[in-house]
Amino acid sequence: MDGRNRKDIYPGLAVNIILKKDQRTGNLTEGIVANILTSAPYHSRGIKVRLEDGQVGRVAEILDED
């Protein structure tokens, strides 16, 4: 599942994000969502989140689904 819909993302969810510095390469960073930073219900490039370790990026894929 991709991370473009805010309703699919919540704190504690395991995700892969693309950091700003990795946008050209597409390298993914795995982590656990701490905060959702995008207020819009949908974003075409992915919902922006802060991981528990403090890194900020856009959700590329959701790893654990209900």
PDB file of N, CA and C in Angstrom:
ATOM      1  N   MET A   1       0.853  -1.187   0.000  1.00  0.00           N
ATOM      2  CA  MET A   1       0.000   0.000   0.000  1.00  0.00           C
ATOM      3  C   MET A   1       0.893   1.244   0.000  1.00  0.00           C
ATOM      4  N   ASP A   2       0.528   2.210  -0.791  1.00  0.00           N
ATOM      5  CA  ASP A   2       1.304   3.455  -0.813  1.00  0.00           C
ATOM      6  C   ASP A   2       0.833   4.375   0.316  1.00  0.00           C
ATOM      7  N   GLY A   3       1.558   5.455   0.517  1.00  0.00           N
ATOM      8  CA  GLY A   3       1.265   6.342   1.632  1.00  0.00           C
ATOM      9  C   GLY A   3       0.704   7.678   1.223  1.00  0.00           C
ATOM     10  N   ARG A   4      -0.235   7.676   0.267  1.00  0.00           N
ATOM     11  CA  ARG A   4      -0.785   8.944  -0.217  1.00  0.00           C
ATOM     12  C   ARG A   4      -2.044   9.389   0.517  1.00  0.00           C
ATOM     13  N   ASN A   5      -2.719   8.469   1.212  1.00  0.00           N
ATOM     14  CA  ASN A   5      -3.940   8.808   1.944  1.00  0.00           C
ATOM     15  C   ASN A   5      -3.645   8.904   3.439  1.00  0.00           C
ATOM     16  N   ARG A   6      -3.980  10.048   4.017  1.00  0.00           N
ATOM     17  CA  ARG A   6      -3.696  10.297   5.436  1.00  0.00           C
ATOM     18  C   ARG A   6      -4.440   9.316   6.342  1.00  0.00           C
ATOM     19  N   LYS A   7      -5.628   8.884   5.928  1.00  0.00           N
ATOM     20  CA  LYS A   7      -6.440   7.983   6.748  1.00  0.00           C
ATOM     21  C   LYS A   7      -5.776   6.623   6.952  1.00  0.00           C
ATOM     22  N   ASP A   8      -4.826   6.251   6.088  1.00  0.00           N
ATOM     23  CA  ASP A   8      -4.146   4.955   6.186  1.00  0.00           C
ATOM     24  C   ASP A   8      -2.933   4.992   7.115  1.00  0.00           C
ATOM     25  N   ILE A   9      -2.555   6.182   7.593  1.00  0.00           N
ATOM     26  CA  ILE A   9      -1.317   6.348   8.354  1.00  0.00           C
ATOM     27  C   ILE A   9      -1.643   6.798   9.772  1.00  0.00           C
ATOM     28  N   TYR A  10      -0.961   6.214  10.743  1.00  0.00           N
ATOM     29  CA  TYR A  10      -1.186   6.558  12.151  1.00  0.00           C
ATOM     30  C   TYR A  10       0.097   6.291  12.936  1.00  0.00           C
ATOM     31  N   PRO A  11       0.258   6.955  14.083  1.00  0.00           N
ATOM     32  CA  PRO A  11       1.453   6.730  14.907  1.00  0.00           C
ATOM     33  C   PRO A  11       1.592   5.260  15.299  1.00  0.00           C
ATOM     34  N   GLY A  12       2.824   4.756  15.238  1.00  0.00           N
ATOM     35  CA  GLY A  12       3.092   3.360  15.566  1.00  0.00           C
ATOM     36  C   GLY A  12       3.147   2.455  14.347  1.00  0.00           C
ATOM     37  N   LEU A  13       2.799   2.982  13.180  1.00  0.00           N
ATOM     38  CA  LEU A  13       2.782   2.207  11.939  1.00  0.00           C
ATOM     39  C   LEU A  13       4.199   2.091  11.369  1.00  0.00           C
ATOM     40  N   ALA A  14       4.577   0.897  10.910  1.00  0.00           N
ATOM     41  CA  ALA A  14       5.870   0.687  10.260  1.00  0.00           C
ATOM     42  C   ALA A  14       5.759   1.085   8.788  1.00  0.00           C
ATOM     43  N   VAL A  15       6.658   1.956   8.341  1.00  0.00           N
ATOM     44  CA  VAL A  15       6.615   2.473   6.976  1.00  0.00           C
ATOM     45  C   VAL A  15       8.023   2.599   6.390  1.00  0.00           C
ATOM     46  N   ASN A  16       8.082   2.724   5.074  1.00  0.00           N
ATOM     47  CA  ASN A  16       9.291   3.145   4.382  1.00  0.00           C
ATOM     48  C   ASN A  16       9.037   4.567   3.907  1.00  0.00           C
ATOM     49  N   ILE A  17      10.001   5.469   4.179  1.00  0.00           N
ATOM     50  CA  ILE A  17       9.856   6.847   3.735  1.00  0.00           C
ATOM     51  C   ILE A  17      11.003   7.220   2.807  1.00  0.00           C
ATOM     52  N   ILE A  18      10.783   8.280   2.034  1.00  0.00           N
ATOM     53  CA  ILE A  18      11.843   8.867   1.216  1.00  0.00           C
ATOM     54  C   ILE A  18      12.225  10.188   1.871  1.00  0.00           C
ATOM     55  N   LEU A  19      13.476  10.269   2.315  1.00  0.00           N
ATOM     56  CA  LEU A  19      13.979  11.507   2.903  1.00  0.00           C
ATOM     57  C   LEU A  19      14.214  12.533   1.801  1.00  0.00           C
ATOM     58  N   LYS A  20      14.216  13.815   2.155  1.00  0.00           N
ATOM     59  CA  LYS A  20      14.438  14.891   1.185  1.00  0.00           C
ATOM     60  C   LYS A  20      15.740  14.667   0.417  1.00  0.00           C
ATOM     61  N   LYS A  21      16.807  14.283   1.132  1.00  0.00           N
ATOM     62  CA  LYS A  21      18.107  14.096   0.490  1.00  0.00           C
ATOM     63  C   LYS A  21      18.139  12.882  -0.444  1.00  0.00           C
ATOM     64  N   ASP A  22      17.169  11.977  -0.304  1.00  0.00           N
ATOM     65  CA  ASP A  22      17.128  10.765  -1.119  1.00  0.00           C
ATOM     66  C   ASP A  22      16.108  10.823  -2.250  1.00  0.00           C
ATOM     67  N   GLN A  23      15.497  11.989  -2.479  1.00  0.00           N
ATOM     68  CA  GLN A  23      14.450  12.077  -3.504  1.00  0.00           C
ATOM     69  C   GLN A  23      14.974  11.734  -4.890  1.00  0.00           C
ATOM     70  N   ARG A  24      16.206  12.116  -5.205  1.00  0.00           N
ATOM     71  CA  ARG A  24      16.752  11.811  -6.532  1.00  0.00           C
ATOM     72  C   ARG A  24      17.092  10.331  -6.691  1.00  0.00           C
ATOM     73  N   THR A  25      17.617   9.715  -5.625  1.00  0.00           N
ATOM     74  CA  THR A  25      18.036   8.320  -5.707  1.00  0.00           C
ATOM     75  C   THR A  25      16.901   7.351  -5.433  1.00  0.00           C
ATOM     76  N   GLY A  26      15.910   7.777  -4.650  1.00  0.00           N
ATOM     77  CA  GLY A  26      14.794   6.906  -4.311  1.00  0.00           C
ATOM     78  C   GLY A  26      15.092   5.944  -3.178  1.00  0.00           C
ATOM     79  N   ASN A  27      16.219   6.159  -2.460  1.00  0.00           N
ATOM     80  CA  ASN A  27      16.541   5.305  -1.312  1.00  0.00           C
ATOM     81  C   ASN A  27      15.455   5.415  -0.256  1.00  0.00           C
ATOM     82  N   LEU A  28      15.060   4.271   0.293  1.00  0.00           N
ATOM     83  CA  LEU A  28      14.011   4.238   1.305  1.00  0.00           C
ATOM     84  C   LEU A  28      14.614   4.078   2.697  1.00  0.00           C
ATOM     85  N   THR A  29      13.957   4.673   3.673  1.00  0.00           N
ATOM     86  CA  THR A  29      14.351   4.568   5.072  1.00  0.00           C
ATOM     87  C   THR A  29      13.185   3.959   5.834  1.00  0.00           C
ATOM     88  N   GLU A  30      13.459   2.885   6.563  1.00  0.00           N
ATOM     89  CA  GLU A  30      12.404   2.196   7.318  1.00  0.00           C
ATOM     90  C   GLU A  30      12.321   2.763   8.726  1.00  0.00           C
ATOM     91  N   GLY A  31      11.093   2.863   9.231  1.00  0.00           N
ATOM     92  CA  GLY A  31      10.921   3.349  10.586  1.00  0.00           C
ATOM     93  C   GLY A  31       9.481   3.273  11.042  1.00  0.00           C
ATOM     94  N   ILE A  32       9.266   3.763  12.268  1.00  0.00           N
ATOM     95  CA  ILE A  32       7.940   3.768  12.894  1.00  0.00           C
ATOM     96  C   ILE A  32       7.447   5.209  12.962  1.00  0.00           C
ATOM     97  N   VAL A  33       6.211   5.455  12.523  1.00  0.00           N
ATOM     98  CA  VAL A  33       5.638   6.800  12.508  1.00  0.00           C
ATOM     99  C   VAL A  33       5.454   7.313  13.942  1.00  0.00           C
ATOM    100  N   ALA A  34       5.966   8.527  14.192  1.00  0.00           N
ATOM    101  CA  ALA A  34       5.751   9.191  15.476  1.00  0.00           C
ATOM    102  C   ALA A  34       4.676  10.270  15.328  1.00  0.00           C
ATOM    103  N   ASN A  35       4.776  11.090  14.257  1.00  0.00           N
ATOM    104  CA  ASN A  35       3.820  12.166  14.012  1.00  0.00           C
ATOM    105  C   ASN A  35       3.499  12.245  12.533  1.00  0.00           C
ATOM    106  N   ILE A  36       2.269  12.655  12.220  1.00  0.00           N
ATOM    107  CA  ILE A  36       1.866  12.934  10.841  1.00  0.00           C
ATOM    108  C   ILE A  36       1.962  14.442  10.655  1.00  0.00           C
ATOM    109  N   LEU A  37       2.725  14.877   9.654  1.00  0.00           N
ATOM    110  CA  LEU A  37       2.966  16.300   9.454  1.00  0.00           C
ATOM    111  C   LEU A  37       2.084  16.920   8.376  1.00  0.00           C
ATOM    112  N   THR A  38       1.574  16.120   7.457  1.00  0.00           N
ATOM    113  CA  THR A  38       0.690  16.623   6.404  1.00  0.00           C
ATOM    114  C   THR A  38      -0.740  16.684   6.935  1.00  0.00           C
ATOM    115  N   SER A  39      -1.379  17.850   6.791  1.00  0.00           N
ATOM    116  CA  SER A  39      -2.753  17.982   7.292  1.00  0.00           C
ATOM    117  C   SER A  39      -3.800  17.612   6.239  1.00  0.00           C
ATOM    118  N   ALA A  40      -3.418  17.641   4.966  1.00  0.00           N
ATOM    119  CA  ALA A  40      -4.359  17.324   3.883  1.00  0.00           C
ATOM    120  C   ALA A  40      -4.719  15.833   3.913  1.00  0.00           C
ATOM    121  N   PRO A  41      -5.924  15.467   3.494  1.00  0.00           N
ATOM    122  CA  PRO A  41      -6.317  14.050   3.503  1.00  0.00           C
ATOM    123  C   PRO A  41      -5.602  13.220   2.446  1.00  0.00           C
ATOM    124  N   TYR A  42      -5.026  13.877   1.407  1.00  0.00           N
ATOM    125  CA  TYR A  42      -4.339  13.177   0.318  1.00  0.00           C
ATOM    126  C   TYR A  42      -3.177  14.029  -0.161  1.00  0.00           C
ATOM    127  N   HIS A  43      -2.050  13.378  -0.495  1.00  0.00           N
ATOM    128  CA  HIS A  43      -0.933  14.094  -1.110  1.00  0.00           C
ATOM    129  C   HIS A  43      -0.339  13.202  -2.181  1.00  0.00           C
ATOM    130  N   SER A  44      -0.177  13.736  -3.386  1.00  0.00           N
ATOM    131  CA  SER A  44       0.243  12.936  -4.535  1.00  0.00           C
ATOM    132  C   SER A  44       1.637  12.333  -4.387  1.00  0.00           C
ATOM    133  N   ARG A  45       2.526  12.974  -3.624  1.00  0.00           N
ATOM    134  CA  ARG A  45       3.890  12.442  -3.450  1.00  0.00           C
ATOM    135  C   ARG A  45       4.063  11.685  -2.141  1.00  0.00           C
ATOM    136  N   GLY A  46       3.004  11.569  -1.355  1.00  0.00           N
ATOM    137  CA  GLY A  46       3.066  10.834  -0.091  1.00  0.00           C
ATOM    138  C   GLY A  46       2.875  11.757   1.094  1.00  0.00           C
ATOM    139  N   ILE A  47       2.272  11.229   2.143  1.00  0.00           N
ATOM    140  CA  ILE A  47       2.029  11.984   3.367  1.00  0.00           C
ATOM    141  C   ILE A  47       3.361  12.158   4.105  1.00  0.00           C
ATOM    142  N   LYS A  48       3.635  13.374   4.553  1.00  0.00           N
ATOM    143  CA  LYS A  48       4.881  13.645   5.269  1.00  0.00           C
ATOM    144  C   LYS A  48       4.724  13.258   6.734  1.00  0.00           C
ATOM    145  N   VAL A  49       5.715  12.509   7.239  1.00  0.00           N
ATOM    146  CA  VAL A  49       5.691  12.039   8.626  1.00  0.00           C
ATOM    147  C   VAL A  49       7.047  12.247   9.292  1.00  0.00           C
ATOM    148  N   ARG A  50       7.035  12.232  10.629  1.00  0.00           N
ATOM    149  CA  ARG A  50       8.266  12.203  11.423  1.00  0.00           C
ATOM    150  C   ARG A  50       8.342  10.818  12.044  1.00  0.00           C
ATOM    151  N   LEU A  51       9.483  10.165  11.879  1.00  0.00           N
ATOM    152  CA  LEU A  51       9.683   8.851  12.471  1.00  0.00           C
ATOM    153  C   LEU A  51      10.078   8.991  13.936  1.00  0.00           C
ATOM    154  N   GLU A  52      10.022   7.893  14.664  1.00  0.00           N
ATOM    155  CA  GLU A  52      10.379   7.903  16.081  1.00  0.00           C
ATOM    156  C   GLU A  52      11.820   8.337  16.311  1.00  0.00           C
ATOM    157  N   ASP A  53      12.703   8.112  15.323  1.00  0.00           N
ATOM    158  CA  ASP A  53      14.105   8.524  15.466  1.00  0.00           C
ATOM    159  C   ASP A  53      14.344   9.974  15.034  1.00  0.00           C
ATOM    160  N   GLY A  54      13.264  10.686  14.644  1.00  0.00           N
ATOM    161  CA  GLY A  54      13.365  12.106  14.316  1.00  0.00           C
ATOM    162  C   GLY A  54      13.493  12.430  12.836  1.00  0.00           C
ATOM    163  N   GLN A  55      13.696  11.438  11.992  1.00  0.00           N
ATOM    164  CA  GLN A  55      13.824  11.695  10.552  1.00  0.00           C
ATOM    165  C   GLN A  55      12.457  12.044   9.961  1.00  0.00           C
ATOM    166  N   VAL A  56      12.475  12.961   8.981  1.00  0.00           N
ATOM    167  CA  VAL A  56      11.247  13.428   8.345  1.00  0.00           C
ATOM    168  C   VAL A  56      11.296  13.099   6.860  1.00  0.00           C
ATOM    169  N   GLY A  57      10.196  12.555   6.342  1.00  0.00           N
ATOM    170  CA  GLY A  57      10.115  12.252   4.924  1.00  0.00           C
ATOM    171  C   GLY A  57       8.697  11.910   4.532  1.00  0.00           C
ATOM    172  N   ARG A  58       8.528  11.582   3.246  1.00  0.00           N
ATOM    173  CA  ARG A  58       7.205  11.226   2.727  1.00  0.00           C
ATOM    174  C   ARG A  58       7.069   9.711   2.649  1.00  0.00           C
ATOM    175  N   VAL A  59       5.906   9.211   3.046  1.00  0.00           N
ATOM    176  CA  VAL A  59       5.662   7.770   3.067  1.00  0.00           C
ATOM    177  C   VAL A  59       5.635   7.229   1.635  1.00  0.00           C
ATOM    178  N   ALA A  60       6.501   6.254   1.374  1.00  0.00           N
ATOM    179  CA  ALA A  60       6.542   5.598   0.068  1.00  0.00           C
ATOM    180  C   ALA A  60       5.713   4.315   0.097  1.00  0.00           C
ATOM    181  N   GLU A  61       5.799   3.587   1.218  1.00  0.00           N
ATOM    182  CA  GLU A  61       4.999   2.367   1.351  1.00  0.00           C
ATOM    183  C   GLU A  61       4.753   2.060   2.818  1.00  0.00           C
ATOM    184  N   ILE A  62       3.612   1.414   3.052  1.00  0.00           N
ATOM    185  CA  ILE A  62       3.234   1.002   4.397  1.00  0.00           C
ATOM    186  C   ILE A  62       3.619  -0.459   4.546  1.00  0.00           C
ATOM    187  N   LEU A  63       4.359  -0.779   5.601  1.00  0.00           N
ATOM    188  CA  LEU A  63       4.882  -2.131   5.767  1.00  0.00           C
ATOM    189  C   LEU A  63       3.932  -3.076   6.484  1.00  0.00           C
ATOM    190  N   ASP A  64       3.320  -2.647   7.582  1.00  0.00           N
ATOM    191  CA  ASP A  64       2.389  -3.543   8.271  1.00  0.00           C
ATOM    192  C   ASP A  64       0.964  -3.022   8.119  1.00  0.00           C
ATOM    193  N   GLU A  65       0.113  -3.897   7.588  1.00  0.00           N
ATOM    194  CA  GLU A  65      -1.275  -3.522   7.341  1.00  0.00           C
ATOM    195  C   GLU A  65      -2.181  -4.324   8.253  1.00  0.00           C
ATOM    196  N   ASP A  66      -3.316  -3.739   8.580  1.00  0.00           N
ATOM    197  CA  ASP A  66      -4.269  -4.446   9.453  1.00  0.00           C
ATOM    198  C   ASP A  66      -5.000  -5.520   8.664  1.00  0.00           C
TER     199      ASP A  66
END
